[in-house]
Amino acid sequence: MPQCFARTGADGMAEKNAQDAAGKGYDQRHGDSGRIFRPDQEQQAAFPASSGPSLVPGVGELCELNRSIHDDDGIPAAYALDQRAPLLDCLSAVAEIDTGTPEGVVKAAGVLAHGIARSQSFRDGNRRTAFFATQAFLERHGLAYISTGDDDMLTRYLNQVVERQTGLRWRRPPGPDKFEQLFLRRLQKRTPPTGASEP
């Protein structure tokens, strides 16, 4: 398997649990979000980087990401794709969005984040998978500055989506539009780093 994450071992799992208990974001040592998704040649031919359609991650890429998260935690046996269909529905919804503008990319990122967390397709690590997949998606489209580092708000929204399904009640569980609004606010307020190009 290609190396796209730094190894953390059992100590990383204990640290991650401590961070989760403290309400902090996800451990960034799970990997470099820019290297998570590597489009294969078939995808590149279908969606050149300069065109409007986005390079939507595939189920295989999300499985590799989830597996790597568990490998990094030192518990590779925790990986399993339990429900493929809801994940495919999420990815299809993302693929239907025109990402020719930054606003389109942000909308697609919102649908991606919400969809992966809501689908609960993996046995474990759905929120972390959604978190890193969303950051990689934004980076792939030149908008990495919108969600950087631990991104506590993204983490909070992902937690609310999942906890709503497990019986804990929030006033309003966030939908894809809530994620989109978060990213749109950042798009308007944050300045891209010099040398970065928008889609």
Protein backbone atom coordinates (compact mmCIF):
# COMPACT_ATOMS: atom_id res chain seq x y z
CA MET A 1 0.00 0.00 0.00
CA PRO A 2 1.38 3.44 -0.87
CA GLN A 3 2.64 5.43 2.08
CA CYS A 4 0.28 8.38 2.55
CA PHE A 5 0.23 8.58 6.32
CA ALA A 6 2.81 8.87 9.07
CA ARG A 7 2.78 5.88 11.39
CA THR A 8 1.70 6.56 14.94
CA GLY A 9 1.27 3.10 16.49
CA ALA A 10 -0.47 2.39 19.79
CA ASP A 11 0.71 5.70 21.30
CA GLY A 12 -1.17 7.52 18.55
CA MET A 13 -4.40 5.76 19.49
CA ALA A 14 -4.07 6.81 23.13
CA GLU A 15 -3.34 10.39 22.08
CA LYS A 16 -6.31 10.41 19.68
CA ASN A 17 -8.61 9.16 22.42
CA ALA A 18 -7.34 11.88 24.74
CA GLN A 19 -7.93 14.52 22.06
CA ASP A 20 -11.44 13.23 21.37
CA ALA A 21 -12.23 13.29 25.08
CA ALA A 22 -10.96 16.85 25.29
CA GLY A 23 -13.22 17.82 22.37
CA LYS A 24 -10.34 18.74 20.08
CA GLY A 25 -9.99 18.01 16.38
CA TYR A 26 -8.56 14.97 14.71
CA ASP A 27 -4.90 14.08 14.93
CA GLN A 28 -3.25 15.54 11.85
CA ARG A 29 -0.64 12.77 11.89
CA HIS A 30 -3.17 10.60 10.08
CA GLY A 31 -1.71 12.02 6.94
CA ASP A 32 -1.14 14.68 4.41
CA SER A 33 -4.58 15.36 2.96
CA GLY A 34 -3.04 16.38 -0.35
CA ARG A 35 -1.70 12.90 -0.87
CA ILE A 36 -4.74 10.90 0.21
CA PHE A 37 -6.45 10.79 -3.17
CA ARG A 38 -4.36 10.05 -6.17
CA PRO A 39 -6.54 10.13 -9.27
CA ASP A 40 -5.89 7.18 -11.52
CA GLN A 41 -5.23 7.73 -15.22
CA GLU A 42 -8.81 6.84 -16.12
CA GLN A 43 -10.18 9.56 -13.83
CA GLN A 44 -7.66 12.09 -15.13
CA ALA A 45 -8.76 11.42 -18.71
CA ALA A 46 -12.43 11.79 -17.78
CA PHE A 47 -11.94 14.89 -15.61
CA PRO A 48 -8.94 17.00 -16.60
CA ALA A 49 -7.80 19.36 -13.84
CA SER A 50 -8.85 22.44 -15.81
CA SER A 51 -12.42 21.31 -16.48
CA GLY A 52 -15.57 22.02 -14.43
CA PRO A 53 -16.32 18.49 -13.16
CA SER A 54 -14.61 17.62 -9.91
CA LEU A 55 -12.23 14.82 -9.20
CA VAL A 56 -14.57 13.03 -6.85
CA PRO A 57 -12.88 10.38 -4.71
CA GLY A 58 -13.87 6.82 -5.41
CA VAL A 59 -15.01 4.18 -2.95
CA GLY A 60 -11.59 2.52 -3.24
CA GLU A 61 -9.81 5.73 -2.25
CA LEU A 62 -12.10 6.23 0.74
CA CYS A 63 -11.53 2.60 1.77
CA GLU A 64 -7.76 3.14 1.55
CA LEU A 65 -8.10 6.30 3.66
CA ASN A 66 -10.20 4.54 6.31
CA ARG A 67 -7.84 1.56 6.35
CA SER A 68 -4.83 3.88 6.75
CA ILE A 69 -6.50 5.66 9.65
CA HIS A 70 -6.89 2.35 11.46
CA ASP A 71 -3.37 1.22 10.53
CA ASP A 72 -2.03 4.46 12.00
CA ASP A 73 -4.00 3.86 15.18
CA GLY A 74 -2.45 0.41 15.48
CA ILE A 75 -5.76 -1.41 15.04
CA PRO A 76 -5.94 -2.49 11.38
CA ALA A 77 -8.63 -5.06 12.20
CA ALA A 78 -11.08 -2.19 12.85
CA TYR A 79 -11.31 -1.48 9.12
CA ALA A 80 -14.38 -2.78 7.31
CA LEU A 81 -16.68 -1.36 4.66
CA ASP A 82 -20.11 -2.41 5.94
CA GLN A 83 -22.41 -0.47 3.61
CA ARG A 84 -21.27 0.37 0.10
CA ALA A 85 -24.57 1.72 -1.31
CA PRO A 86 -24.95 4.83 0.93
CA LEU A 87 -21.35 5.77 0.17
CA LEU A 88 -21.98 5.44 -3.56
CA ASP A 89 -25.08 7.64 -3.21
CA CYS A 90 -22.99 10.31 -1.48
CA LEU A 91 -20.27 10.21 -4.14
CA SER A 92 -22.88 10.35 -6.93
CA ALA A 93 -24.45 13.45 -5.35
CA VAL A 94 -21.01 15.09 -5.18
CA ALA A 95 -20.26 14.19 -8.82
CA GLU A 96 -23.47 15.90 -9.97
CA ILE A 97 -22.34 19.30 -8.63
CA ASP A 98 -20.60 21.65 -11.05
CA THR A 99 -17.25 22.52 -9.46
CA GLY A 100 -16.20 25.04 -12.08
CA THR A 101 -16.30 27.84 -9.49
CA PRO A 102 -15.03 28.08 -5.91
CA GLU A 103 -18.66 28.21 -4.75
CA GLY A 104 -19.35 24.94 -6.58
CA VAL A 105 -16.32 23.29 -4.98
CA VAL A 106 -17.49 24.46 -1.55
CA LYS A 107 -20.98 23.08 -2.15
CA ALA A 108 -19.53 19.73 -3.26
CA ALA A 109 -17.24 19.65 -0.20
CA GLY A 110 -20.27 20.20 2.04
CA VAL A 111 -22.16 17.33 0.42
CA LEU A 112 -19.07 15.11 0.69
CA ALA A 113 -18.45 15.83 4.38
CA HIS A 114 -22.08 15.36 5.37
CA GLY A 115 -22.61 12.35 3.13
CA ILE A 116 -19.66 10.30 4.37
CA ALA A 117 -20.45 11.01 8.03
CA ARG A 118 -24.17 10.33 7.59
CA SER A 119 -23.76 7.15 5.54
CA GLN A 120 -21.88 5.35 8.34
CA SER A 121 -20.52 3.02 5.67
CA PHE A 122 -17.44 1.98 7.60
CA ARG A 123 -17.41 -0.03 10.81
CA ASP A 124 -15.39 2.71 12.52
CA GLY A 125 -13.72 6.01 11.63
CA ASN A 126 -16.51 7.54 9.53
CA ARG A 127 -16.03 11.03 10.99
CA ARG A 128 -12.26 10.94 10.54
CA THR A 129 -12.69 9.63 7.00
CA ALA A 130 -15.15 12.44 6.23
CA PHE A 131 -12.81 15.00 7.81
CA PHE A 132 -9.69 14.05 5.87
CA ALA A 133 -11.57 13.35 2.61
CA THR A 134 -13.13 16.82 2.75
CA GLN A 135 -9.79 18.51 3.41
CA ALA A 136 -8.21 16.55 0.55
CA PHE A 137 -11.10 17.45 -1.77
CA LEU A 138 -10.69 21.16 -1.00
CA GLU A 139 -6.92 20.94 -1.43
CA ARG A 140 -7.32 19.16 -4.74
CA HIS A 141 -9.36 22.11 -5.97
CA GLY A 142 -6.94 24.79 -4.73
CA LEU A 143 -8.99 25.71 -1.65
CA ALA A 144 -6.97 24.02 1.10
CA TYR A 145 -6.83 27.29 3.03
CA ILE A 146 -10.57 27.01 3.75
CA SER A 147 -10.11 24.00 6.06
CA THR A 148 -6.70 23.69 7.68
CA GLY A 149 -5.22 21.86 10.62
CA ASP A 150 -7.62 20.52 13.21
CA ASP A 151 -10.60 22.60 11.98
CA ASP A 152 -12.71 22.43 15.12
CA MET A 153 -15.91 23.65 13.42
CA LEU A 154 -15.77 20.94 10.78
CA THR A 155 -15.14 18.40 13.54
CA ARG A 156 -18.09 19.74 15.54
CA TYR A 157 -20.48 19.51 12.60
CA LEU A 158 -19.34 15.97 11.77
CA ASN A 159 -19.85 14.95 15.40
CA GLN A 160 -23.37 16.39 15.37
CA VAL A 161 -24.30 14.50 12.20
CA VAL A 162 -23.16 11.17 13.64
CA GLU A 163 -24.44 11.70 17.18
CA ARG A 164 -27.87 12.61 15.82
CA GLN A 165 -28.05 9.12 14.32
CA THR A 166 -26.97 7.42 17.53
CA GLY A 167 -29.84 8.84 19.56
CA LEU A 168 -28.37 12.03 20.98
CA ARG A 169 -30.63 14.89 19.98
CA TRP A 170 -29.37 18.21 18.67
CA ARG A 171 -31.69 21.10 18.03
CA ARG A 172 -30.92 21.02 14.35
CA PRO A 173 -28.58 18.38 13.01
CA PRO A 174 -26.41 19.98 10.34
CA GLY A 175 -27.17 19.13 6.75
CA PRO A 176 -24.94 19.61 3.72
CA ASP A 177 -26.02 23.26 3.58
CA LYS A 178 -24.54 23.93 7.04
CA PHE A 179 -21.14 22.63 5.90
CA GLU A 180 -21.44 24.69 2.70
CA GLN A 181 -22.24 27.84 4.71
CA LEU A 182 -19.18 27.26 6.91
CA PHE A 183 -16.92 26.92 3.89
CA LEU A 184 -18.55 29.88 2.07
CA ARG A 185 -17.93 32.17 5.07
CA ARG A 186 -14.30 31.13 5.04
CA LEU A 187 -14.06 31.56 1.27
CA GLN A 188 -15.23 35.17 1.67
CA LYS A 189 -13.08 35.99 4.72
CA ARG A 190 -9.82 34.15 4.11
CA THR A 191 -7.23 35.09 1.57
CA PRO A 192 -5.59 32.35 -0.47
CA PRO A 193 -1.85 32.02 0.16
CA THR A 194 0.34 33.67 -2.42
CA GLY A 195 0.97 31.41 -5.37
CA ALA A 196 -2.25 29.42 -4.76
CA SER A 197 -4.70 29.32 -7.62
CA GLU A 198 -8.43 28.96 -7.28
CA PRO A 199 -10.31 26.59 -9.60
